[in-house]
Amino acid sequence: KGVTLEDGHFALRVEIFDAALAHLEAKGCHEGGDEPG
């Protein structure tokens, strides 16, 4: 299964959204696909 909004999950809140997104992208995360991690 890929990323879905209709499955069990937990949420973490960050203060600065764009900084969190930039951090994840710098760690190799990307939009699309279903590659775990």
Full PDB file with SEQRES, HELIX, SHEET, SSBOND, CRYST1, ORIGX, SCALE, CONECT and MASTER records, all heavy atoms in Angstrom:
SEQRES   1 A   37  LYS GLY VAL THR LEU GLU ASP GLY HIS PHE ALA LEU ARG          
SEQRES   2 A   37  VAL GLU ILE PHE ASP ALA ALA LEU ALA HIS LEU GLU ALA          
SEQRES   3 A   37  LYS GLY CYS HIS GLU GLY GLY ASP GLU PRO GLY                  
HELIX    1 AA1 PHE A   17  ALA A   26  1                                  10    
CRYST1    1.000    1.000    1.000  90.00  90.00  90.00 P 1           1          
ORIGX1      1.000000  0.000000  0.000000        0.00000                         
ORIGX2      0.000000  1.000000  0.000000        0.00000                         
ORIGX3      0.000000  0.000000  1.000000        0.00000                         
SCALE1      1.000000  0.000000  0.000000        0.00000                         
SCALE2      0.000000  1.000000  0.000000        0.00000                         
SCALE3      0.000000  0.000000  1.000000        0.00000                         
ATOM      1  N   LYS A   1       0.843  -1.189   0.000  1.00  0.00           N  
ATOM      2  CA  LYS A   1       0.000   0.000   0.000  1.00  0.00           C  
ATOM      3  C   LYS A   1       0.881   1.242   0.000  1.00  0.00           C  
ATOM      4  O   LYS A   1       1.899   1.294   0.670  1.00  0.00           O  
ATOM      5  CB  LYS A   1      -0.894   0.043   1.244  1.00  0.00           C  
ATOM      6  CG  LYS A   1      -2.057  -0.906   1.211  1.00  0.00           C  
ATOM      7  CD  LYS A   1      -2.962  -0.630   2.388  1.00  0.00           C  
ATOM      8  CE  LYS A   1      -4.244  -1.409   2.303  1.00  0.00           C  
ATOM      9  NZ  LYS A   1      -5.138  -1.072   3.409  1.00  0.00           N  
ATOM     10  N   GLY A   2       0.447   2.241  -0.752  1.00  0.00           N  
ATOM     11  CA  GLY A   2       1.150   3.510  -0.792  1.00  0.00           C  
ATOM     12  C   GLY A   2       0.624   4.456   0.270  1.00  0.00           C  
ATOM     13  O   GLY A   2      -0.087   4.062   1.189  1.00  0.00           O  
ATOM     14  N   VAL A   3       0.974   5.716   0.129  1.00  0.00           N  
ATOM     15  CA  VAL A   3       0.523   6.746   1.054  1.00  0.00           C  
ATOM     16  C   VAL A   3      -0.973   6.942   0.857  1.00  0.00           C  
ATOM     17  O   VAL A   3      -1.439   7.148  -0.261  1.00  0.00           O  
ATOM     18  CB  VAL A   3       1.259   8.080   0.807  1.00  0.00           C  
ATOM     19  CG1 VAL A   3       0.755   9.156   1.743  1.00  0.00           C  
ATOM     20  CG2 VAL A   3       2.762   7.902   0.971  1.00  0.00           C  
ATOM     21  N   THR A   4      -1.720   6.861   1.932  1.00  0.00           N  
ATOM     22  CA  THR A   4      -3.165   7.046   1.856  1.00  0.00           C  
ATOM     23  C   THR A   4      -3.641   7.798   3.091  1.00  0.00           C  
ATOM     24  O   THR A   4      -3.038   7.718   4.150  1.00  0.00           O  
ATOM     25  CB  THR A   4      -3.900   5.692   1.742  1.00  0.00           C  
ATOM     26  OG1 THR A   4      -5.318   5.938   1.750  1.00  0.00           O  
ATOM     27  CG2 THR A   4      -3.570   4.762   2.889  1.00  0.00           C  
ATOM     28  N   LEU A   5      -4.724   8.522   2.934  1.00  0.00           N  
ATOM     29  CA  LEU A   5      -5.320   9.247   4.055  1.00  0.00           C  
ATOM     30  C   LEU A   5      -6.381   8.402   4.748  1.00  0.00           C  
ATOM     31  O   LEU A   5      -6.916   8.797   5.770  1.00  0.00           O  
ATOM     32  CB  LEU A   5      -5.960  10.551   3.559  1.00  0.00           C  
ATOM     33  CG  LEU A   5      -5.077  11.461   2.708  1.00  0.00           C  
ATOM     34  CD1 LEU A   5      -5.854  12.685   2.283  1.00  0.00           C  
ATOM     35  CD2 LEU A   5      -3.830  11.842   3.449  1.00  0.00           C  
ATOM     36  N   GLU A   6      -6.685   7.248   4.188  1.00  0.00           N  
ATOM     37  CA  GLU A   6      -7.789   6.428   4.664  1.00  0.00           C  
ATOM     38  C   GLU A   6      -7.332   5.221   5.470  1.00  0.00           C  
ATOM     39  O   GLU A   6      -8.030   4.216   5.534  1.00  0.00           O  
ATOM     40  CB  GLU A   6      -8.623   5.969   3.473  1.00  0.00           C  
ATOM     41  CG  GLU A   6      -9.186   7.111   2.667  1.00  0.00           C  
ATOM     42  CD  GLU A   6      -9.817   6.651   1.380  1.00  0.00           C  
ATOM     43  OE1 GLU A   6      -9.778   5.457   1.077  1.00  0.00           O  
ATOM     44  OE2 GLU A   6     -10.346   7.517   0.661  1.00  0.00           O  
ATOM     45  N   ASP A   7      -6.175   5.300   6.066  1.00  0.00           N  
ATOM     46  CA  ASP A   7      -5.656   4.188   6.845  1.00  0.00           C  
ATOM     47  C   ASP A   7      -5.177   4.709   8.193  1.00  0.00           C  
ATOM     48  O   ASP A   7      -4.979   5.912   8.377  1.00  0.00           O  
ATOM     49  CB  ASP A   7      -4.498   3.518   6.090  1.00  0.00           C  
ATOM     50  CG  ASP A   7      -4.438   2.014   6.334  1.00  0.00           C  
ATOM     51  OD1 ASP A   7      -4.942   1.565   7.386  1.00  0.00           O  
ATOM     52  OD2 ASP A   7      -3.887   1.302   5.491  1.00  0.00           O  
ATOM     53  N   GLY A   8      -4.975   3.801   9.122  1.00  0.00           N  
ATOM     54  CA  GLY A   8      -4.503   4.202  10.436  1.00  0.00           C  
ATOM     55  C   GLY A   8      -3.178   4.936  10.337  1.00  0.00           C  
ATOM     56  O   GLY A   8      -2.329   4.606   9.513  1.00  0.00           O  
ATOM     57  N   HIS A   9      -3.006   5.966  11.152  1.00  0.00           N  
ATOM     58  CA  HIS A   9      -1.777   6.741  11.174  1.00  0.00           C  
ATOM     59  C   HIS A   9      -1.698   7.522  12.473  1.00  0.00           C  
ATOM     60  O   HIS A   9      -2.667   7.592  13.215  1.00  0.00           O  
ATOM     61  CB  HIS A   9      -1.706   7.699   9.976  1.00  0.00           C  
ATOM     62  CG  HIS A   9      -2.743   8.781   9.990  1.00  0.00           C  
ATOM     63  ND1 HIS A   9      -4.027   8.592   9.530  1.00  0.00           N  
ATOM     64  CD2 HIS A   9      -2.696  10.061  10.436  1.00  0.00           C  
ATOM     65  CE1 HIS A   9      -4.717   9.719   9.673  1.00  0.00           C  
ATOM     66  NE2 HIS A   9      -3.926  10.621  10.227  1.00  0.00           N  
ATOM     67  N   PHE A  10      -0.545   8.100  12.736  1.00  0.00           N  
ATOM     68  CA  PHE A  10      -0.437   9.064  13.827  1.00  0.00           C  
ATOM     69  C   PHE A  10       0.141  10.337  13.247  1.00  0.00           C  
ATOM     70  O   PHE A  10       0.734  10.330  12.169  1.00  0.00           O  
ATOM     71  CB  PHE A  10       0.392   8.525  15.002  1.00  0.00           C  
ATOM     72  CG  PHE A  10       1.859   8.349  14.737  1.00  0.00           C  
ATOM     73  CD1 PHE A  10       2.758   9.341  15.080  1.00  0.00           C  
ATOM     74  CD2 PHE A  10       2.342   7.181  14.175  1.00  0.00           C  
ATOM     75  CE1 PHE A  10       4.110   9.176  14.853  1.00  0.00           C  
ATOM     76  CE2 PHE A  10       3.695   7.003  13.949  1.00  0.00           C  
ATOM     77  CZ  PHE A  10       4.582   8.014  14.283  1.00  0.00           C  
ATOM     78  N   ALA A  11      -0.077  11.454  13.928  1.00  0.00           N  
ATOM     79  CA  ALA A  11       0.329  12.750  13.396  1.00  0.00           C  
ATOM     80  C   ALA A  11       1.304  13.441  14.335  1.00  0.00           C  
ATOM     81  O   ALA A  11       1.147  13.394  15.555  1.00  0.00           O  
ATOM     82  CB  ALA A  11      -0.901  13.630  13.172  1.00  0.00           C  
ATOM     83  N   LEU A  12       2.287  14.082  13.732  1.00  0.00           N  
ATOM     84  CA  LEU A  12       3.265  14.894  14.447  1.00  0.00           C  
ATOM     85  C   LEU A  12       3.090  16.330  13.971  1.00  0.00           C  
ATOM     86  O   LEU A  12       2.988  16.578  12.771  1.00  0.00           O  
ATOM     87  CB  LEU A  12       4.687  14.420  14.140  1.00  0.00           C  
ATOM     88  CG  LEU A  12       4.992  12.959  14.446  1.00  0.00           C  
ATOM     89  CD1 LEU A  12       6.348  12.568  13.876  1.00  0.00           C  
ATOM     90  CD2 LEU A  12       4.954  12.728  15.949  1.00  0.00           C  
ATOM     91  N   ARG A  13       3.059  17.271  14.894  1.00  0.00           N  
ATOM     92  CA  ARG A  13       2.894  18.676  14.521  1.00  0.00           C  
ATOM     93  C   ARG A  13       4.241  19.367  14.527  1.00  0.00           C  
ATOM     94  O   ARG A  13       5.042  19.178  15.425  1.00  0.00           O  
ATOM     95  CB  ARG A  13       1.936  19.373  15.481  1.00  0.00           C  
ATOM     96  CG  ARG A  13       1.866  20.862  15.194  1.00  0.00           C  
ATOM     97  CD  ARG A  13       0.549  21.516  15.235  1.00  0.00           C  
ATOM     98  NE  ARG A  13      -0.454  21.070  14.314  1.00  0.00           N  
ATOM     99  CZ  ARG A  13      -1.674  21.572  14.320  1.00  0.00           C  
ATOM    100  NH1 ARG A  13      -2.001  22.504  15.201  1.00  0.00           N  
ATOM    101  NH2 ARG A  13      -2.571  21.149  13.467  1.00  0.00           N  
ATOM    102  N   VAL A  14       4.478  20.177  13.477  1.00  0.00           N  
ATOM    103  CA  VAL A  14       5.688  20.982  13.377  1.00  0.00           C  
ATOM    104  C   VAL A  14       5.310  22.453  13.412  1.00  0.00           C  
ATOM    105  O   VAL A  14       4.161  22.817  13.144  1.00  0.00           O  
ATOM    106  CB  VAL A  14       6.482  20.666  12.082  1.00  0.00           C  
ATOM    107  CG1 VAL A  14       6.971  19.226  12.089  1.00  0.00           C  
ATOM    108  CG2 VAL A  14       5.660  20.961  10.838  1.00  0.00           C  
ATOM    109  N   GLU A  15       6.266  23.296  13.736  1.00  0.00           N  
ATOM    110  CA  GLU A  15       5.993  24.729  13.788  1.00  0.00           C  
ATOM    111  C   GLU A  15       6.024  25.350  12.393  1.00  0.00           C  
ATOM    112  O   GLU A  15       5.185  26.177  12.045  1.00  0.00           O  
ATOM    113  CB  GLU A  15       7.012  25.430  14.688  1.00  0.00           C  
ATOM    114  CG  GLU A  15       6.680  26.875  14.937  1.00  0.00           C  
ATOM    115  CD  GLU A  15       7.583  27.516  15.961  1.00  0.00           C  
ATOM    116  OE1 GLU A  15       8.248  26.795  16.720  1.00  0.00           O  
ATOM    117  OE2 GLU A  15       7.616  28.762  16.009  1.00  0.00           O  
ATOM    118  N   ILE A  16       7.013  24.944  11.580  1.00  0.00           N  
ATOM    119  CA  ILE A  16       7.190  25.559  10.263  1.00  0.00           C  
ATOM    120  C   ILE A  16       7.057  24.486   9.183  1.00  0.00           C  
ATOM    121  O   ILE A  16       7.943  23.640   9.010  1.00  0.00           O  
ATOM    122  CB  ILE A  16       8.552  26.271  10.173  1.00  0.00           C  
ATOM    123  CG1 ILE A  16       8.661  27.328  11.284  1.00  0.00           C  
ATOM    124  CG2 ILE A  16       8.732  26.913   8.797  1.00  0.00           C  
ATOM    125  CD1 ILE A  16      10.033  27.944  11.410  1.00  0.00           C  
ATOM    126  N   PHE A  17       5.966  24.526   8.461  1.00  0.00           N  
ATOM    127  CA  PHE A  17       5.639  23.511   7.469  1.00  0.00           C  
ATOM    128  C   PHE A  17       6.708  23.398   6.385  1.00  0.00           C  
ATOM    129  O   PHE A  17       7.196  22.313   6.084  1.00  0.00           O  
ATOM    130  CB  PHE A  17       4.272  23.819   6.846  1.00  0.00           C  
ATOM    131  CG  PHE A  17       3.804  22.777   5.879  1.00  0.00           C  
ATOM    132  CD1 PHE A  17       3.215  21.613   6.335  1.00  0.00           C  
ATOM    133  CD2 PHE A  17       3.954  22.954   4.506  1.00  0.00           C  
ATOM    134  CE1 PHE A  17       2.779  20.635   5.451  1.00  0.00           C  
ATOM    135  CE2 PHE A  17       3.519  21.982   3.617  1.00  0.00           C  
ATOM    136  CZ  PHE A  17       2.937  20.826   4.090  1.00  0.00           C  
ATOM    137  N   ASP A  18       7.082  24.520   5.767  1.00  0.00           N  
ATOM    138  CA  ASP A  18       8.036  24.478   4.670  1.00  0.00           C  
ATOM    139  C   ASP A  18       9.406  23.982   5.119  1.00  0.00           C  
ATOM    140  O   ASP A  18      10.106  23.315   4.357  1.00  0.00           O  
ATOM    141  CB  ASP A  18       8.155  25.841   3.987  1.00  0.00           C  
ATOM    142  CG  ASP A  18       6.931  26.160   3.128  1.00  0.00           C  
ATOM    143  OD1 ASP A  18       6.343  25.212   2.565  1.00  0.00           O  
ATOM    144  OD2 ASP A  18       6.569  27.343   3.017  1.00  0.00           O  
ATOM    145  N   ALA A  19       9.799  24.273   6.339  1.00  0.00           N  
ATOM    146  CA  ALA A  19      11.074  23.775   6.857  1.00  0.00           C  
ATOM    147  C   ALA A  19      11.015  22.261   7.021  1.00  0.00           C  
ATOM    148  O   ALA A  19      11.987  21.556   6.715  1.00  0.00           O  
ATOM    149  CB  ALA A  19      11.406  24.449   8.187  1.00  0.00           C  
ATOM    150  N   ALA A  20       9.888  21.744   7.483  1.00  0.00           N  
ATOM    151  CA  ALA A  20       9.729  20.293   7.623  1.00  0.00           C  
ATOM    152  C   ALA A  20       9.774  19.623   6.260  1.00  0.00           C  
ATOM    153  O   ALA A  20      10.433  18.593   6.082  1.00  0.00           O  
ATOM    154  CB  ALA A  20       8.410  19.978   8.334  1.00  0.00           C  
ATOM    155  N   LEU A  21       9.093  20.203   5.287  1.00  0.00           N  
ATOM    156  CA  LEU A  21       9.085  19.651   3.936  1.00  0.00           C  
ATOM    157  C   LEU A  21      10.498  19.665   3.348  1.00  0.00           C  
ATOM    158  O   LEU A  21      10.949  18.672   2.769  1.00  0.00           O  
ATOM    159  CB  LEU A  21       8.116  20.438   3.054  1.00  0.00           C  
ATOM    160  CG  LEU A  21       7.959  19.963   1.614  1.00  0.00           C  
ATOM    161  CD1 LEU A  21       7.513  18.514   1.557  1.00  0.00           C  
ATOM    162  CD2 LEU A  21       6.977  20.864   0.879  1.00  0.00           C  
ATOM    163  N   ALA A  22      11.216  20.767   3.513  1.00  0.00           N  
ATOM    164  CA  ALA A  22      12.587  20.864   3.002  1.00  0.00           C  
ATOM    165  C   ALA A  22      13.495  19.831   3.675  1.00  0.00           C  
ATOM    166  O   ALA A  22      14.344  19.220   3.023  1.00  0.00           O  
ATOM    167  CB  ALA A  22      13.128  22.275   3.212  1.00  0.00           C  
ATOM    168  N   HIS A  23      13.307  19.615   4.970  1.00  0.00           N  
ATOM    169  CA  HIS A  23      14.103  18.619   5.695  1.00  0.00           C  
ATOM    170  C   HIS A  23      13.866  17.225   5.126  1.00  0.00           C  
ATOM    171  O   HIS A  23      14.814  16.483   4.863  1.00  0.00           O  
ATOM    172  CB  HIS A  23      13.749  18.647   7.186  1.00  0.00           C  
ATOM    173  CG  HIS A  23      14.327  17.512   7.958  1.00  0.00           C  
ATOM    174  ND1 HIS A  23      15.603  17.534   8.466  1.00  0.00           N  
ATOM    175  CD2 HIS A  23      13.815  16.296   8.276  1.00  0.00           C  
ATOM    176  CE1 HIS A  23      15.854  16.378   9.061  1.00  0.00           C  
ATOM    177  NE2 HIS A  23      14.775  15.618   8.966  1.00  0.00           N  
ATOM    178  N   LEU A  24      12.599  16.867   4.925  1.00  0.00           N  
ATOM    179  CA  LEU A  24      12.277  15.545   4.383  1.00  0.00           C  
ATOM    180  C   LEU A  24      12.833  15.372   2.974  1.00  0.00           C  
ATOM    181  O   LEU A  24      13.380  14.317   2.634  1.00  0.00           O  
ATOM    182  CB  LEU A  24      10.771  15.316   4.402  1.00  0.00           C  
ATOM    183  CG  LEU A  24      10.155  15.183   5.799  1.00  0.00           C  
ATOM    184  CD1 LEU A  24       8.631  15.189   5.703  1.00  0.00           C  
ATOM    185  CD2 LEU A  24      10.660  13.943   6.499  1.00  0.00           C  
ATOM    186  N   GLU A  25      12.723  16.410   2.157  1.00  0.00           N  
ATOM    187  CA  GLU A  25      13.270  16.337   0.808  1.00  0.00           C  
ATOM    188  C   GLU A  25      14.792  16.181   0.840  1.00  0.00           C  
ATOM    189  O   GLU A  25      15.362  15.409   0.058  1.00  0.00           O  
ATOM    190  CB  GLU A  25      12.858  17.562   0.002  1.00  0.00           C  
ATOM    191  CG  GLU A  25      11.371  17.566  -0.320  1.00  0.00           C  
ATOM    192  CD  GLU A  25      10.864  18.853  -0.941  1.00  0.00           C  
ATOM    193  OE1 GLU A  25      11.523  19.911  -0.787  1.00  0.00           O  
ATOM    194  OE2 GLU A  25       9.795  18.800  -1.579  1.00  0.00           O  
ATOM    195  N   ALA A  26      15.463  16.860   1.749  1.00  0.00           N  
ATOM    196  CA  ALA A  26      16.922  16.748   1.884  1.00  0.00           C  
ATOM    197  C   ALA A  26      17.336  15.345   2.322  1.00  0.00           C  
ATOM    198  O   ALA A  26      18.459  14.911   2.036  1.00  0.00           O  
ATOM    199  CB  ALA A  26      17.438  17.788   2.880  1.00  0.00           C  
ATOM    200  N   LYS A  27      16.427  14.626   2.999  1.00  0.00           N  
ATOM    201  CA  LYS A  27      16.689  13.253   3.429  1.00  0.00           C  
ATOM    202  C   LYS A  27      16.306  12.235   2.361  1.00  0.00           C  
ATOM    203  O   LYS A  27      16.343  11.035   2.592  1.00  0.00           O  
ATOM    204  CB  LYS A  27      15.928  12.946   4.724  1.00  0.00           C  
ATOM    205  CG  LYS A  27      16.395  13.748   5.920  1.00  0.00           C  
ATOM    206  CD  LYS A  27      17.774  13.310   6.363  1.00  0.00           C  
ATOM    207  CE  LYS A  27      18.200  14.021   7.628  1.00  0.00           C  
ATOM    208  NZ  LYS A  27      19.494  13.528   8.110  1.00  0.00           N  
ATOM    209  N   GLY A  28      15.899  12.716   1.180  1.00  0.00           N  
ATOM    210  CA  GLY A  28      15.598  11.816   0.071  1.00  0.00           C  
ATOM    211  C   GLY A  28      14.138  11.469  -0.095  1.00  0.00           C  
ATOM    212  O   GLY A  28      13.789  10.615  -0.916  1.00  0.00           O  
ATOM    213  N   CYS A  29      13.264  12.103   0.665  1.00  0.00           N  
ATOM    214  CA  CYS A  29      11.826  11.841   0.521  1.00  0.00           C  
ATOM    215  C   CYS A  29      11.289  12.648  -0.661  1.00  0.00           C  
ATOM    216  O   CYS A  29      11.787  13.728  -0.964  1.00  0.00           O  
ATOM    217  CB  CYS A  29      11.091  12.224   1.809  1.00  0.00           C  
ATOM    218  SG  CYS A  29      11.651  11.268   3.235  1.00  0.00           S  
ATOM    219  N   HIS A  30      10.266  12.113  -1.335  1.00  0.00           N  
ATOM    220  CA  HIS A  30       9.724  12.761  -2.517  1.00  0.00           C  
ATOM    221  C   HIS A  30       8.240  12.466  -2.635  1.00  0.00           C  
ATOM    222  O   HIS A  30       7.734  11.498  -2.084  1.00  0.00           O  
ATOM    223  CB  HIS A  30      10.453  12.276  -3.771  1.00  0.00           C  
ATOM    224  CG  HIS A  30      10.434  10.775  -3.904  1.00  0.00           C  
ATOM    225  ND1 HIS A  30       9.382  10.087  -4.460  1.00  0.00           N  
ATOM    226  CD2 HIS A  30      11.322   9.840  -3.503  1.00  0.00           C  
ATOM    227  CE1 HIS A  30       9.624   8.793  -4.420  1.00  0.00           C  
ATOM    228  NE2 HIS A  30      10.805   8.605  -3.830  1.00  0.00           N  
ATOM    229  N   GLU A  31       7.559  13.344  -3.373  1.00  0.00           N  
ATOM    230  CA  GLU A  31       6.132  13.137  -3.624  1.00  0.00           C  
ATOM    231  C   GLU A  31       5.937  12.074  -4.682  1.00  0.00           C  
ATOM    232  O   GLU A  31       6.745  11.924  -5.590  1.00  0.00           O  
ATOM    233  CB  GLU A  31       5.475  14.438  -4.086  1.00  0.00           C  
ATOM    234  CG  GLU A  31       5.226  15.408  -2.964  1.00  0.00           C  
ATOM    235  CD  GLU A  31       4.279  16.510  -3.377  1.00  0.00           C  
ATOM    236  OE1 GLU A  31       3.056  16.242  -3.450  1.00  0.00           O  
ATOM    237  OE2 GLU A  31       4.756  17.628  -3.605  1.00  0.00           O  
ATOM    238  N   GLY A  32       4.841  11.333  -4.532  1.00  0.00           N  
ATOM    239  CA  GLY A  32       4.492  10.317  -5.515  1.00  0.00           C  
ATOM    240  C   GLY A  32       5.138   8.982  -5.200  1.00  0.00           C  
ATOM    241  O   GLY A  32       6.006   8.865  -4.340  1.00  0.00           O  
ATOM    242  N   GLY A  33       4.669   7.964  -5.892  1.00  0.00           N  
ATOM    243  CA  GLY A  33       5.199   6.630  -5.696  1.00  0.00           C  
ATOM    244  C   GLY A  33       4.723   6.003  -4.406  1.00  0.00           C  
ATOM    245  O   GLY A  33       3.862   6.545  -3.709  1.00  0.00           O  
ATOM    246  N   ASP A  34       5.308   4.864  -4.093  1.00  0.00           N  
ATOM    247  CA  ASP A  34       4.940   4.183  -2.844  1.00  0.00           C  
ATOM    248  C   ASP A  34       6.160   3.501  -2.232  1.00  0.00           C  
ATOM    249  O   ASP A  34       6.062   2.448  -1.636  1.00  0.00           O  
ATOM    250  CB  ASP A  34       3.796   3.192  -3.066  1.00  0.00           C  
ATOM    251  CG  ASP A  34       4.186   2.007  -3.927  1.00  0.00           C  
ATOM    252  OD1 ASP A  34       5.275   2.032  -4.523  1.00  0.00           O  
ATOM    253  OD2 ASP A  34       3.404   1.053  -3.996  1.00  0.00           O  
ATOM    254  N   GLU A  35       7.317   4.134  -2.357  1.00  0.00           N  
ATOM    255  CA  GLU A  35       8.554   3.594  -1.812  1.00  0.00           C  
ATOM    256  C   GLU A  35       8.588   3.783  -0.298  1.00  0.00           C  
ATOM    257  O   GLU A  35       8.604   4.913   0.189  1.00  0.00           O  
ATOM    258  CB  GLU A  35       9.746   4.298  -2.455  1.00  0.00           C  
ATOM    259  CG  GLU A  35      11.078   3.804  -1.974  1.00  0.00           C  
ATOM    260  CD  GLU A  35      12.228   4.614  -2.549  1.00  0.00           C  
ATOM    261  OE1 GLU A  35      11.997   5.542  -3.331  1.00  0.00           O  
ATOM    262  OE2 GLU A  35      13.363   4.309  -2.176  1.00  0.00           O  
ATOM    263  N   PRO A  36       8.597   2.695   0.464  1.00  0.00           N  
ATOM    264  CA  PRO A  36       8.631   2.820   1.930  1.00  0.00           C  
ATOM    265  C   PRO A  36       9.841   3.623   2.402  1.00  0.00           C  
ATOM    266  O   PRO A  36      10.943   3.442   1.909  1.00  0.00           O  
ATOM    267  CB  PRO A  36       8.724   1.371   2.405  1.00  0.00           C  
ATOM    268  CG  PRO A  36       8.175   0.566   1.279  1.00  0.00           C  
ATOM    269  CD  PRO A  36       8.570   1.310   0.023  1.00  0.00           C  
ATOM    270  N   GLY A  37       9.603   4.539   3.342  1.00  0.00           N  
ATOM    271  CA  GLY A  37      10.665   5.356   3.906  1.00  0.00           C  
ATOM    272  C   GLY A  37      11.049   6.552   3.066  1.00  0.00           C  
ATOM    273  O   GLY A  37      11.881   7.356   3.480  1.00  0.00           O  
TER     274      GLY A  37                                                      
MASTER        0    0    0    1    0    0    0    6  273    1    0    3          
END                                                                             
